[in-house]
Structures are given as C-alpha cells and as structure tokens.
C-alpha atoms as a PDB file:
ATOM      1  CA  MET A   1      86.279  91.497 117.090  1.00  0.00           C
ATOM      2  CA  PRO A   2      87.838  94.714 115.678  1.00  0.00           C
ATOM      3  CA  VAL A   3      87.238  97.826 117.790  1.00  0.00           C
ATOM      4  CA  ASN A   4      86.099  99.954 114.813  1.00  0.00           C
ATOM      5  CA  PRO A   5      85.046  97.488 112.044  1.00  0.00           C
ATOM      6  CA  PHE A   6      84.461  98.909 108.582  1.00  0.00           C
ATOM      7  CA  PRO A   7      80.830  98.851 107.368  1.00  0.00           C
ATOM      8  CA  LEU A   8      79.591  96.749 104.429  1.00  0.00           C
ATOM      9  CA  GLY A   9      80.785  98.000 101.032  1.00  0.00           C
ATOM     10  CA  LYS A  10      83.946  99.738  99.780  1.00  0.00           C
ATOM     11  CA  LEU A  11      86.645 100.843 102.130  1.00  0.00           C
ATOM     12  CA  PRO A  12      86.645 104.617 103.094  1.00  0.00           C
ATOM     13  CA  PRO A  13      88.110 106.570 100.161  1.00  0.00           C
ATOM     14  CA  ASP A  14      90.885 108.327 102.166  1.00  0.00           C
ATOM     15  CA  PHE A  15      91.956 105.007 103.839  1.00  0.00           C
ATOM     16  CA  LEU A  16      92.001 103.233 100.481  1.00  0.00           C
ATOM     17  CA  ALA A  17      93.959 106.034  98.871  1.00  0.00           C
ATOM     18  CA  ASN A  18      96.656 105.802 101.426  1.00  0.00           C
ATOM     19  CA  LEU A  19      96.954 102.084 101.003  1.00  0.00           C
ATOM     20  CA  LEU A  20      97.185 102.305  97.147  1.00  0.00           C
ATOM     21  CA  ALA A  21      99.826 105.049  97.407  1.00  0.00           C
ATOM     22  CA  ARG A  22     102.103 102.458  98.972  1.00  0.00           C
ATOM     23  CA  ALA A  23     101.634  99.889  96.221  1.00  0.00           C
ATOM     24  CA  PRO A  24     105.030  98.856  94.653  1.00  0.00           C
ATOM     25  CA  LEU A  25     105.285  99.834  91.004  1.00  0.00           C
ATOM     26  CA  THR A  26     108.672  98.777  89.562  1.00  0.00           C
ATOM     27  CA  ASP A  27     107.823  98.158  85.927  1.00  0.00           C
ATOM     28  CA  PRO A  28     108.002 101.353  83.746  1.00  0.00           C
ATOM     29  CA  ARG A  29     105.554  99.857  81.304  1.00  0.00           C
ATOM     30  CA  VAL A  30     102.780 100.512  83.853  1.00  0.00           C
ATOM     31  CA  LEU A  31     100.977 103.514  82.407  1.00  0.00           C
ATOM     32  CA  VAL A  32      98.012 103.473  84.847  1.00  0.00           C
ATOM     33  CA  GLY A  33      98.402 101.886  88.179  1.00  0.00           C
ATOM     34  CA  PRO A  34      96.242 101.826  91.370  1.00  0.00           C
ATOM     35  CA  GLY A  35      94.528 104.942  92.632  1.00  0.00           C
ATOM     36  CA  THR A  36      91.209 106.457  93.569  1.00  0.00           C
ATOM     37  CA  GLY A  37      88.967 106.574  90.500  1.00  0.00           C
ATOM     38  CA  LEU A  38      91.328 104.410  88.601  1.00  0.00           C
ATOM     39  CA  ASP A  39      89.332 101.312  87.817  1.00  0.00           C
ATOM     40  CA  CYS A  40      91.782  99.646  85.408  1.00  0.00           C
ATOM     41  CA  ALA A  41      95.468  99.116  85.204  1.00  0.00           C
ATOM     42  CA  VAL A  42      97.151  99.813  81.858  1.00  0.00           C
ATOM     43  CA  ILE A  43     100.379  98.205  80.569  1.00  0.00           C
ATOM     44  CA  ASP A  44     102.299  99.372  77.577  1.00  0.00           C
ATOM     45  CA  LEU A  45     103.163  96.519  75.262  1.00  0.00           C
ATOM     46  CA  GLY A  46     104.262  98.643  72.269  1.00  0.00           C
ATOM     47  CA  GLU A  47     101.672  98.943  69.451  1.00  0.00           C
ATOM     48  CA  ARG A  48      98.896  97.978  71.880  1.00  0.00           C
ATOM     49  CA  TYR A  49      98.147  98.407  75.540  1.00  0.00           C
ATOM     50  CA  LEU A  50      96.778  95.722  77.788  1.00  0.00           C
ATOM     51  CA  VAL A  51      94.054  96.804  80.198  1.00  0.00           C
ATOM     52  CA  PHE A  52      93.389  94.784  83.421  1.00  0.00           C
ATOM     53  CA  LYS A  53      90.386  94.787  85.620  1.00  0.00           C
ATOM     54  CA  SER A  54      89.177  92.772  88.598  1.00  0.00           C
ATOM     55  CA  ASP A  55      85.803  93.068  90.429  1.00  0.00           C
ATOM     56  CA  PRO A  56      83.713  90.783  92.507  1.00  0.00           C
ATOM     57  CA  ILE A  57      79.857  90.322  92.779  1.00  0.00           C
ATOM     58  CA  THR A  58      78.783  90.271  96.394  1.00  0.00           C
ATOM     59  CA  PHE A  59      75.340  91.837  96.736  1.00  0.00           C
ATOM     60  CA  ALA A  60      73.504  89.794  94.036  1.00  0.00           C
ATOM     61  CA  THR A  61      72.613  86.051  94.274  1.00  0.00           C
ATOM     62  CA  ASP A  62      70.530  85.918  91.025  1.00  0.00           C
ATOM     63  CA  GLU A  63      72.392  86.013  87.675  1.00  0.00           C
ATOM     64  CA  ILE A  64      75.683  86.581  89.382  1.00  0.00           C
ATOM     65  CA  GLY A  65      77.589  85.119  86.423  1.00  0.00           C
ATOM     66  CA  TRP A  66      75.954  87.708  84.117  1.00  0.00           C
ATOM     67  CA  TYR A  67      76.804  90.471  86.539  1.00  0.00           C
ATOM     68  CA  ALA A  68      80.393  89.532  86.808  1.00  0.00           C
ATOM     69  CA  VAL A  69      80.986  89.751  83.091  1.00  0.00           C
ATOM     70  CA  GLN A  70      79.238  93.037  82.660  1.00  0.00           C
ATOM     71  CA  VAL A  71      80.785  95.033  85.506  1.00  0.00           C
ATOM     72  CA  ASN A  72      84.257  94.079  84.533  1.00  0.00           C
ATOM     73  CA  ALA A  73      83.754  94.582  80.789  1.00  0.00           C
ATOM     74  CA  ASN A  74      82.207  98.030  81.652  1.00  0.00           C
ATOM     75  CA  ASP A  75      85.456  99.236  83.205  1.00  0.00           C
ATOM     76  CA  ILE A  76      87.569  97.940  80.288  1.00  0.00           C
ATOM     77  CA  ALA A  77      85.216  99.830  77.936  1.00  0.00           C
ATOM     78  CA  THR A  78      85.823 103.174  79.844  1.00  0.00           C
ATOM     79  CA  THR A  79      89.433 103.015  78.652  1.00  0.00           C
ATOM     80  CA  GLY A  80      88.342 102.813  75.027  1.00  0.00           C
ATOM     81  CA  GLY A  81      89.457  99.225  75.026  1.00  0.00           C
ATOM     82  CA  GLU A  82      87.803  95.885  74.026  1.00  0.00           C
ATOM     83  CA  PRO A  83      87.359  93.181  76.640  1.00  0.00           C
ATOM     84  CA  ARG A  84      89.075  89.911  75.560  1.00  0.00           C
ATOM     85  CA  TRP A  85      90.050  87.315  78.197  1.00  0.00           C
ATOM     86  CA  MET A  86      88.373  86.481  81.585  1.00  0.00           C
ATOM     87  CA  LEU A  87      89.230  84.361  84.614  1.00  0.00           C
ATOM     88  CA  ALA A  88      86.507  83.838  87.201  1.00  0.00           C
ATOM     89  CA  THR A  89      86.842  82.634  90.823  1.00  0.00           C
ATOM     90  CA  LEU A  90      83.651  81.135  92.145  1.00  0.00           C
ATOM     91  CA  LEU A  91      83.177  80.606  95.913  1.00  0.00           C
ATOM     92  CA  LEU A  92      80.174  78.545  96.887  1.00  0.00           C
ATOM     93  CA  PRO A  93      78.343  78.314 100.291  1.00  0.00           C
ATOM     94  CA  GLU A  94      78.925  75.163 102.261  1.00  0.00           C
ATOM     95  CA  GLY A  95      75.806  72.889 102.451  1.00  0.00           C
ATOM     96  CA  LYS A  96      73.934  74.930  99.704  1.00  0.00           C
ATOM     97  CA  ALA A  97      75.923  74.223  96.467  1.00  0.00           C
ATOM     98  CA  ASP A  98      74.820  71.543  94.105  1.00  0.00           C
ATOM     99  CA  ALA A  99      75.417  70.787  90.460  1.00  0.00           C
ATOM    100  CA  ALA A 100      72.381  72.802  89.294  1.00  0.00           C
ATOM    101  CA  LEU A 101      73.699  75.917  91.028  1.00  0.00           C
ATOM    102  CA  VAL A 102      77.215  75.612  89.564  1.00  0.00           C
ATOM    103  CA  GLU A 103      75.935  74.750  86.108  1.00  0.00           C
ATOM    104  CA  GLY A 104      73.558  77.737  86.186  1.00  0.00           C
ATOM    105  CA  ILE A 105      76.308  80.194  87.087  1.00  0.00           C
ATOM    106  CA  PHE A 106      78.670  78.794  84.466  1.00  0.00           C
ATOM    107  CA  GLU A 107      75.911  79.117  81.845  1.00  0.00           C
ATOM    108  CA  GLN A 108      75.453  82.733  82.824  1.00  0.00           C
ATOM    109  CA  LEU A 109      79.194  83.383  82.550  1.00  0.00           C
ATOM    110  CA  SER A 110      79.424  81.524  79.192  1.00  0.00           C
ATOM    111  CA  ARG A 111      76.421  83.402  77.703  1.00  0.00           C
ATOM    112  CA  ALA A 112      77.548  86.817  78.740  1.00  0.00           C
ATOM    113  CA  CYS A 113      81.175  86.217  77.579  1.00  0.00           C
ATOM    114  CA  GLY A 114      79.874  84.923  74.222  1.00  0.00           C
ATOM    115  CA  GLU A 115      77.698  88.035  73.646  1.00  0.00           C
ATOM    116  CA  LEU A 116      80.693  90.398  74.208  1.00  0.00           C
ATOM    117  CA  GLY A 117      83.318  88.278  72.343  1.00  0.00           C
ATOM    118  CA  ILE A 118      85.244  87.431  75.528  1.00  0.00           C
ATOM    119  CA  SER A 119      87.139  84.188  75.968  1.00  0.00           C
ATOM    120  CA  LEU A 120      86.690  82.524  79.404  1.00  0.00           C
ATOM    121  CA  VAL A 121      90.235  81.295  79.799  1.00  0.00           C
ATOM    122  CA  GLY A 122      90.331  79.947  83.412  1.00  0.00           C
ATOM    123  CA  GLY A 123      89.747  80.524  87.078  1.00  0.00           C
ATOM    124  CA  HIS A 124      88.907  78.537  90.233  1.00  0.00           C
ATOM    125  CA  THR A 125      85.845  77.071  91.799  1.00  0.00           C
ATOM    126  CA  GLU A 126      85.344  75.786  95.399  1.00  0.00           C
ATOM    127  CA  VAL A 127      82.911  75.249  98.221  1.00  0.00           C
ATOM    128  CA  THR A 128      83.925  77.675 100.910  1.00  0.00           C
ATOM    129  CA  HIS A 129      83.273  77.715 104.711  1.00  0.00           C
ATOM    130  CA  GLY A 130      81.534  80.714 106.189  1.00  0.00           C
ATOM    131  CA  LEU A 131      79.497  81.948 103.179  1.00  0.00           C
ATOM    132  CA  ASP A 132      75.742  82.202 103.029  1.00  0.00           C
ATOM    133  CA  ARG A 133      75.623  82.966  99.302  1.00  0.00           C
ATOM    134  CA  PRO A 134      77.700  82.366  96.169  1.00  0.00           C
ATOM    135  CA  VAL A 135      80.396  85.053  95.629  1.00  0.00           C
ATOM    136  CA  ILE A 136      82.194  85.460  92.293  1.00  0.00           C
ATOM    137  CA  SER A 137      85.267  87.479  91.522  1.00  0.00           C
ATOM    138  CA  ALA A 138      86.431  87.963  87.982  1.00  0.00           C
ATOM    139  CA  ALA A 139      89.684  89.317  86.309  1.00  0.00           C
ATOM    140  CA  LEU A 140      89.319  90.600  82.856  1.00  0.00           C
ATOM    141  CA  VAL A 141      91.987  91.588  80.398  1.00  0.00           C
ATOM    142  CA  GLY A 142      91.312  93.773  77.371  1.00  0.00           C
ATOM    143  CA  GLU A 143      93.413  95.618  74.794  1.00  0.00           C
ATOM    144  CA  VAL A 144      93.396  99.070  73.208  1.00  0.00           C
ATOM    145  CA  GLU A 145      95.277 100.447  70.256  1.00  0.00           C
ATOM    146  CA  ARG A 146      98.097 102.918  71.018  1.00  0.00           C
ATOM    147  CA  GLY A 147      96.810 106.392  70.684  1.00  0.00           C
ATOM    148  CA  LYS A 148      93.154 105.425  71.407  1.00  0.00           C
ATOM    149  CA  LEU A 149      93.514 105.056  75.158  1.00  0.00           C
ATOM    150  CA  VAL A 150      91.001 107.100  77.193  1.00  0.00           C
ATOM    151  CA  ARG A 151      92.665 107.859  80.512  1.00  0.00           C
ATOM    152  CA  PRO A 152      90.586 108.240  83.665  1.00  0.00           C
ATOM    153  CA  GLY A 153      92.271 111.504  84.540  1.00  0.00           C
ATOM    154  CA  GLY A 154      91.844 113.061  81.038  1.00  0.00           C
ATOM    155  CA  ALA A 155      88.962 115.424  81.756  1.00  0.00           C
ATOM    156  CA  ARG A 156      89.879 119.068  81.172  1.00  0.00           C
ATOM    157  CA  PRO A 157      88.223 122.419  82.172  1.00  0.00           C
ATOM    158  CA  GLY A 158      85.581 123.307  79.657  1.00  0.00           C
ATOM    159  CA  ASP A 159      84.677 119.639  78.913  1.00  0.00           C
ATOM    160  CA  ARG A 160      81.037 118.740  79.108  1.00  0.00           C
ATOM    161  CA  LEU A 161      79.757 115.882  81.323  1.00  0.00           C
ATOM    162  CA  LEU A 162      77.326 113.409  79.678  1.00  0.00           C
ATOM    163  CA  LEU A 163      75.398 110.544  81.223  1.00  0.00           C
ATOM    164  CA  THR A 164      73.812 107.612  79.321  1.00  0.00           C
ATOM    165  CA  LYS A 165      70.550 105.786  80.251  1.00  0.00           C
ATOM    166  CA  GLY A 166      69.983 107.219  83.714  1.00  0.00           C
ATOM    167  CA  VAL A 167      70.308 105.927  87.285  1.00  0.00           C
ATOM    168  CA  PRO A 168      70.349 103.676  89.178  1.00  0.00           C
ATOM    169  CA  VAL A 169      69.868 100.864  86.668  1.00  0.00           C
ATOM    170  CA  GLU A 170      71.820  98.183  88.545  1.00  0.00           C
ATOM    171  CA  ALA A 171      70.341  99.114  91.951  1.00  0.00           C
ATOM    172  CA  VAL A 172      66.730  98.753  90.476  1.00  0.00           C
ATOM    173  CA  ALA A 173      67.530  95.311  89.118  1.00  0.00           C
ATOM    174  CA  LEU A 174      69.252  94.206  92.360  1.00  0.00           C
ATOM    175  CA  LEU A 175      66.461  95.496  94.604  1.00  0.00           C
ATOM    176  CA  ALA A 176      63.733  93.982  92.581  1.00  0.00           C
ATOM    177  CA  ARG A 177      65.454  90.610  92.664  1.00  0.00           C
ATOM    178  CA  GLU A 178      66.584  90.647  96.247  1.00  0.00           C
ATOM    179  CA  PHE A 179      63.671  92.461  97.913  1.00  0.00           C
ATOM    180  CA  THR A 180      60.797  91.133  95.898  1.00  0.00           C
ATOM    181  CA  ALA A 181      58.484  90.584  98.781  1.00  0.00           C
ATOM    182  CA  ARG A 182      58.898  94.131 100.182  1.00  0.00           C
ATOM    183  CA  LEU A 183      58.395  95.765  96.817  1.00  0.00           C
ATOM    184  CA  SER A 184      55.437  93.549  95.843  1.00  0.00           C
ATOM    185  CA  ALA A 185      53.392  95.564  98.294  1.00  0.00           C
ATOM    186  CA  VAL A 186      53.762  98.748  96.226  1.00  0.00           C
ATOM    187  CA  LEU A 187      54.495  97.479  92.694  1.00  0.00           C
ATOM    188  CA  SER A 188      52.202  95.527  90.306  1.00  0.00           C
ATOM    189  CA  SER A 189      53.534  92.224  89.106  1.00  0.00           C
ATOM    190  CA  ALA A 190      54.172  93.775  85.751  1.00  0.00           C
ATOM    191  CA  GLU A 191      56.143  96.632  87.282  1.00  0.00           C
ATOM    192  CA  LEU A 192      58.121  94.232  89.482  1.00  0.00           C
ATOM    193  CA  ALA A 193      58.987  92.162  86.363  1.00  0.00           C
ATOM    194  CA  GLU A 194      60.056  95.351  84.525  1.00  0.00           C
ATOM    195  CA  ALA A 195      62.299  96.326  87.376  1.00  0.00           C
ATOM    196  CA  ARG A 196      63.866  92.823  87.522  1.00  0.00           C
ATOM    197  CA  SER A 197      64.525  93.028  83.720  1.00  0.00           C
ATOM    198  CA  TYR A 198      66.509  96.334  84.222  1.00  0.00           C
ATOM    199  CA  LEU A 199      69.526  93.878  84.271  1.00  0.00           C
ATOM    200  CA  PHE A 200      68.982  93.365  80.507  1.00  0.00           C
ATOM    201  CA  ASP A 201      66.813  96.367  79.436  1.00  0.00           C
ATOM    202  CA  PRO A 202      68.065  99.040  79.545  1.00  0.00           C
ATOM    203  CA  GLY A 203      70.846  96.717  80.802  1.00  0.00           C
ATOM    204  CA  ILE A 204      73.905  97.139  83.087  1.00  0.00           C
ATOM    205  CA  SER A 205      76.317  96.979  80.220  1.00  0.00           C
ATOM    206  CA  VAL A 206      78.025 100.231  78.888  1.00  0.00           C
ATOM    207  CA  VAL A 207      80.303  98.550  76.413  1.00  0.00           C
ATOM    208  CA  ARG A 208      78.188  99.662  73.405  1.00  0.00           C
ATOM    209  CA  ASP A 209      77.685 103.174  74.937  1.00  0.00           C
ATOM    210  CA  ALA A 210      81.474 103.595  75.093  1.00  0.00           C
ATOM    211  CA  ARG A 211      82.080 102.364  71.523  1.00  0.00           C
ATOM    212  CA  VAL A 212      79.558 104.691  70.056  1.00  0.00           C
ATOM    213  CA  ALA A 213      80.774 107.655  72.014  1.00  0.00           C
ATOM    214  CA  VAL A 214      84.437 107.335  71.119  1.00  0.00           C
ATOM    215  CA  GLN A 215      83.637 106.842  67.524  1.00  0.00           C
ATOM    216  CA  ALA A 216      81.443 109.940  67.398  1.00  0.00           C
ATOM    217  CA  GLY A 217      83.715 112.512  68.931  1.00  0.00           C
ATOM    218  CA  ARG A 218      86.520 113.469  71.303  1.00  0.00           C
ATOM    219  CA  VAL A 219      86.031 111.685  74.725  1.00  0.00           C
ATOM    220  CA  THR A 220      88.486 112.814  77.294  1.00  0.00           C
ATOM    221  CA  ALA A 221      87.461 110.549  80.225  1.00  0.00           C
ATOM    222  CA  MET A 222      84.854 107.884  81.078  1.00  0.00           C
ATOM    223  CA  HIS A 223      83.729 106.327  84.226  1.00  0.00           C
ATOM    224  CA  ASP A 224      81.301 103.456  85.129  1.00  0.00           C
ATOM    225  CA  PRO A 225      79.261 104.398  88.245  1.00  0.00           C
ATOM    226  CA  THR A 226      79.295 101.331  90.519  1.00  0.00           C
ATOM    227  CA  GLU A 227      79.165 101.269  94.393  1.00  0.00           C
ATOM    228  CA  GLY A 228      78.268 104.717  95.721  1.00  0.00           C
ATOM    229  CA  GLY A 229      76.397 105.431  92.441  1.00  0.00           C
ATOM    230  CA  LEU A 230      76.784 108.548  90.280  1.00  0.00           C
ATOM    231  CA  ALA A 231      77.727 110.767  93.132  1.00  0.00           C
ATOM    232  CA  SER A 232      80.760 108.628  94.016  1.00  0.00           C
ATOM    233  CA  ALA A 233      81.621 108.336  90.262  1.00  0.00           C
ATOM    234  CA  LEU A 234      81.693 112.122  89.950  1.00  0.00           C
ATOM    235  CA  TRP A 235      84.027 112.541  92.907  1.00  0.00           C
ATOM    236  CA  GLU A 236      86.212 109.773  91.541  1.00  0.00           C
ATOM    237  CA  LEU A 237      86.333 111.449  88.134  1.00  0.00           C
ATOM    238  CA  ALA A 238      87.195 114.813  89.691  1.00  0.00           C
ATOM    239  CA  GLU A 239      90.004 113.223  91.728  1.00  0.00           C
ATOM    240  CA  ALA A 240      91.387 111.283  88.843  1.00  0.00           C
ATOM    241  CA  GLY A 241      91.481 114.427  86.673  1.00  0.00           C
ATOM    242  CA  ARG A 242      92.435 116.811  89.502  1.00  0.00           C
ATOM    243  CA  ALA A 243      89.710 119.079  88.354  1.00  0.00           C
ATOM    244  CA  GLY A 244      86.445 120.451  89.793  1.00  0.00           C
ATOM    245  CA  LEU A 245      83.079 119.422  88.364  1.00  0.00           C
ATOM    246  CA  ALA A 246      79.805 121.351  88.236  1.00  0.00           C
ATOM    247  CA  VAL A 247      76.748 119.139  88.091  1.00  0.00           C
ATOM    248  CA  ASN A 248      73.037 119.757  87.961  1.00  0.00           C
ATOM    249  CA  PRO A 249      71.314 116.876  89.846  1.00  0.00           C
ATOM    250  CA  ALA A 250      67.985 117.902  88.279  1.00  0.00           C
ATOM    251  CA  ALA A 251      69.428 117.128  84.884  1.00  0.00           C
ATOM    252  CA  VAL A 252      70.221 113.446  85.870  1.00  0.00           C
ATOM    253  CA  PRO A 253      67.663 111.131  84.321  1.00  0.00           C
ATOM    254  CA  VAL A 254      65.971 108.852  86.883  1.00  0.00           C
ATOM    255  CA  PRO A 255      63.176 106.711  85.351  1.00  0.00           C
ATOM    256  CA  ASP A 256      59.873 106.930  87.124  1.00  0.00           C
ATOM    257  CA  LEU A 257      59.983 103.273  88.117  1.00  0.00           C
ATOM    258  CA  ALA A 258      63.430 103.671  89.561  1.00  0.00           C
ATOM    259  CA  ARG A 259      62.388 106.798  91.471  1.00  0.00           C
ATOM    260  CA  ARG A 260      59.450 104.953  93.024  1.00  0.00           C
ATOM    261  CA  ILE A 261      61.497 102.075  94.153  1.00  0.00           C
ATOM    262  CA  CYS A 262      64.128 104.328  95.676  1.00  0.00           C
ATOM    263  CA  ASN A 263      61.435 106.397  97.415  1.00  0.00           C
ATOM    264  CA  GLU A 264      59.840 103.179  98.816  1.00  0.00           C
ATOM    265  CA  LEU A 265      63.085 101.826 100.214  1.00  0.00           C
ATOM    266  CA  LYS A 266      64.261 105.347 101.281  1.00  0.00           C
ATOM    267  CA  ILE A 267      67.503 105.453  99.268  1.00  0.00           C
ATOM    268  CA  ASP A 268      69.139 108.127  97.193  1.00  0.00           C
ATOM    269  CA  PRO A 269      69.096 107.270  93.488  1.00  0.00           C
ATOM    270  CA  LEU A 270      72.307 109.293  92.986  1.00  0.00           C
ATOM    271  CA  ALA A 271      74.208 107.317  95.579  1.00  0.00           C
ATOM    272  CA  SER A 272      73.048 103.777  94.719  1.00  0.00           C
ATOM    273  CA  ILE A 273      75.017 101.317  92.597  1.00  0.00           C
ATOM    274  CA  ALA A 274      74.470 102.410  89.063  1.00  0.00           C
ATOM    275  CA  SER A 275      76.139 100.183  86.439  1.00  0.00           C
ATOM    276  CA  GLY A 276      74.383 100.627  83.138  1.00  0.00           C
ATOM    277  CA  ALA A 277      74.952 104.392  83.080  1.00  0.00           C
ATOM    278  CA  LEU A 278      78.162 105.683  81.482  1.00  0.00           C
ATOM    279  CA  LEU A 279      79.587 108.956  82.708  1.00  0.00           C
ATOM    280  CA  LEU A 280      81.686 110.786  80.070  1.00  0.00           C
ATOM    281  CA  ALA A 281      83.729 113.926  79.871  1.00  0.00           C
ATOM    282  CA  VAL A 282      83.835 115.134  76.281  1.00  0.00           C
ATOM    283  CA  GLU A 283      85.223 118.151  74.420  1.00  0.00           C
ATOM    284  CA  ALA A 284      82.542 120.974  74.465  1.00  0.00           C
ATOM    285  CA  GLU A 285      82.450 121.193  70.680  1.00  0.00           C
ATOM    286  CA  ASP A 286      81.633 117.464  70.353  1.00  0.00           C
ATOM    287  CA  SER A 287      79.082 117.181  73.129  1.00  0.00           C
ATOM    288  CA  THR A 288      75.969 117.573  70.923  1.00  0.00           C
ATOM    289  CA  ARG A 289      77.404 115.300  68.226  1.00  0.00           C
ATOM    290  CA  ILE A 290      78.186 112.514  70.742  1.00  0.00           C
ATOM    291  CA  CYS A 291      74.703 112.834  72.367  1.00  0.00           C
ATOM    292  CA  ARG A 292      73.002 112.545  69.051  1.00  0.00           C
ATOM    293  CA  ALA A 293      75.060 109.530  68.033  1.00  0.00           C
ATOM    294  CA  LEU A 294      74.190 107.766  71.244  1.00  0.00           C
ATOM    295  CA  ILE A 295      70.498 108.652  70.998  1.00  0.00           C
ATOM    296  CA  GLY A 296      70.533 107.522  67.330  1.00  0.00           C
ATOM    297  CA  GLU A 297      71.706 104.128  68.561  1.00  0.00           C
ATOM    298  CA  GLY A 298      68.784 103.909  70.972  1.00  0.00           C
ATOM    299  CA  ILE A 299      70.982 104.889  74.018  1.00  0.00           C
ATOM    300  CA  PRO A 300      69.442 107.825  76.032  1.00  0.00           C
ATOM    301  CA  CYS A 301      71.957 110.585  76.792  1.00  0.00           C
ATOM    302  CA  ALA A 302      71.799 113.788  78.805  1.00  0.00           C
ATOM    303  CA  GLU A 303      74.284 116.604  79.467  1.00  0.00           C
ATOM    304  CA  ILE A 304      74.464 116.990  83.261  1.00  0.00           C
ATOM    305  CA  GLY A 305      77.320 119.534  83.826  1.00  0.00           C
ATOM    306  CA  TRP A 306      80.819 120.493  82.957  1.00  0.00           C
ATOM    307  CA  VAL A 307      84.498 120.343  84.077  1.00  0.00           C
ATOM    308  CA  GLN A 308      85.892 123.495  85.692  1.00  0.00           C
ATOM    309  CA  GLY A 309      89.139 124.647  87.201  1.00  0.00           C
ATOM    310  CA  GLY A 310      90.020 124.502  90.888  1.00  0.00           C
ATOM    311  CA  PRO A 311      90.380 121.663  93.430  1.00  0.00           C
ATOM    312  CA  PRO A 312      89.156 118.165  92.678  1.00  0.00           C
ATOM    313  CA  GLU A 313      85.512 118.499  93.991  1.00  0.00           C
ATOM    314  CA  VAL A 314      82.009 118.299  92.793  1.00  0.00           C
ATOM    315  CA  ARG A 315      79.694 121.305  93.038  1.00  0.00           C
ATOM    316  CA  SER A 316      75.940 121.042  92.801  1.00  0.00           C
ATOM    317  CA  LEU A 317      74.095 123.378  90.529  1.00  0.00           C
ATOM    318  CA  PRO A 318      72.496 125.921  90.770  1.00  0.00           C
ATOM    319  CA  GLY A 319      73.576 126.857  94.215  1.00  0.00           C
ATOM    320  CA  GLY A 320      77.195 125.667  93.997  1.00  0.00           C
ATOM    321  CA  GLY A 321      77.369 123.822  97.212  1.00  0.00           C
ATOM    322  CA  LEU A 322      79.409 120.550  97.515  1.00  0.00           C
ATOM    323  CA  LEU A 323      77.581 117.446  96.290  1.00  0.00           C
ATOM    324  CA  PRO A 324      77.677 115.082  99.212  1.00  0.00           C
ATOM    325  CA  ARG A 325      80.108 112.178  98.694  1.00  0.00           C
ATOM    326  CA  PRO A 326      78.514 108.926  99.815  1.00  0.00           C
ATOM    327  CA  ALA A 327      80.395 107.187 102.632  1.00  0.00           C
ATOM    328  CA  ARG A 328      78.912 103.880 101.311  1.00  0.00           C
ATOM    329  CA  ASP A 329      76.488 102.655  98.752  1.00  0.00           C
ATOM    330  CA  GLU A 330      72.829 103.233  99.737  1.00  0.00           C
ATOM    331  CA  ILE A 331      71.827  99.610  99.175  1.00  0.00           C
ATOM    332  CA  ALA A 332      74.461  98.390 101.568  1.00  0.00           C
ATOM    333  CA  ARG A 333      72.274  99.552 104.481  1.00  0.00           C
ATOM    334  CA  LEU A 334      69.414  97.551 103.090  1.00  0.00           C
ATOM    335  CA  PHE A 335      71.498  94.379 103.068  1.00  0.00           C
ATOM    336  CA  GLU A 336      72.501  95.012 106.594  1.00  0.00           C
ATOM    337  CA  GLY A 337      68.895  95.280 107.668  1.00  0.00           C
ATOM    338  CA  GLN A 338      69.351  98.814 108.990  1.00  0.00           C
ATOM    339  CA  MET A 339      66.312 100.350 107.283  1.00  0.00           C
END
C-alpha cells in the first residue's frame, strides 16, 4: 500500500498542475491544452474549432447515464460551443450487472443525448473486477464558430462575476439519492422527493444558461463548478485568467432546502459539487443585461463579485481575507464514512 495515498476525489491542485505542465503538445492547432481550470481542449480546424471534454461519474449510482451527459455537455457549453458527439465507457461491477442495469443506463444516456442534440457515436462496455458500483466515463466533442470561443482565461479586471441558479444543485441531488435513510430523519417525504429531483429541476445542466448569456452580452469566461464546488471553481477561474477575484459569499444563492441538507450532513455548500450553477465573468456594462436575460428565461442569476488585478487568488468580501480553497469536495468525506 502507498505510504501517502491520495484521498478520494481530485488530485491535489499543485500536484496535478505539475503533471499537466509536462504534457507533450506538438500540434500548433491546439489552442487550449491541459491546465488547472482548463476543462476543455480546443483545436483549431479553420472556420470552426473542435472542443474536447472527458469526465467520469463515480459518486452517483442512480441515473449515472444522465449525469455523464450533463457534466460533459456543461463544460463544452462553457466555451460557447455546442455539444455534438459522445463516446461512453461503462464499467460494471462483477456479480451485480444484469441486462436490466445495462439497459437502464443506456436508456439514460440515449434520453439525455437526444434532449441536447448529441449523437452517441461509440464507446465500450464491460464487467470489471474490483468495482462495487457502475462507473461511467464519457468523452464529448463539440464545436464552436471561429470568433465565438469563450476562453477559460478570458476574465479581465473590472469584469463582474455572475452565478446562475445557486449551489450546490448536484450535491443536493446526489445526497438525497445516496443518503436517503439518513436524510429521511430530518426531511419529509415531499422534501426528500424535491431534493432528489434537483437533478432535473433546477437541473444540473448549464447548456441553456450559457446559450442565453452569450447571446445577451459580452461574456469573457465561464466555468462549471464541479468537484470542490463554487469555491474551487472560483480559484480555477482566477488561475486560468491570472487575475484576482473578489467574491461576497453572502451573495451566493443557497436554496433553503439545500442549506438544510448541508447543515444536517455538516458540509459546506460552497465547497460541494455544484453542477447546475454556471459561473460567468462578464463585461461590467453588460452584467445587468445578461442577468435580466437569464431571469427572463426562468434561470435565476445573481452578481456575486468582480475581477480585480493582482495575483490569481480569491478574496472574500467584505473583509478581504482569502477564500479557503477546498482540498477536496465536501461530499467525498461522506462517501468515505468519515462523518
């Protein structure tokens, strides 16, 4: 056994950054390669860019096909692109996989792809030794017109920071589905059902959020808060843009039901997996217009801070202290049974 094994979740940011810095990049058509806060690769094909994304689903067991499509499509959307083609690798637990399980996951993939106009073009499926739950990893390719690419490092001093929906949408859905017995002691059956349905309402997709925003005004950067939640996403946005961020945590929308679940399970809503919210940097003059456009489409939106000069860090308002950067996602500890 390793002397110092990594904990559950993403690799430590500094360790990962050092690895990615050594990745070979020999093709000059690579516009965006690997790096901290760079969730998609972008390749220049002339009139259009191809956008590549790969992400697994490891925490969830319920609706994992749906999750896989949404989280990958979200990152494509943060570039201003449209998700087009998906490959999915499905690894199934030995002794637990049957036709009903596989057909159910395939139906989830097919339904989610169909709703977003994505073609499911291939992949791989197998029963794998050593797993106790299904694991799915997807690769998604999208495209964006030349001149319409939103780069992850595009945020500039003076830009305003917007957040759609609130946090942590995905964590609420996951926790309600994976820790039902524990939460049923403090939530009514109706509240538990509502929390489970966060997967679909308000939903973990930000594809429509991104489309509305880029059509309404000048968006300089977008980020999908996944593992580590909004706090990690803010740090990644700062590092990608090499700029400081000033954020007011009190301005971050946290629905009452989400806050109650987080309080019960003793997790920080700002540091829990948060797909469903879209973090945007927008030009100051367009902030109000973009907010109104999103709200007009039924997508809640709040201004939570701004981009400032200085080193790539996140300062918490009003005091100005550093916003803690999560070493790992809050729900990872729950899955390890440490709380």
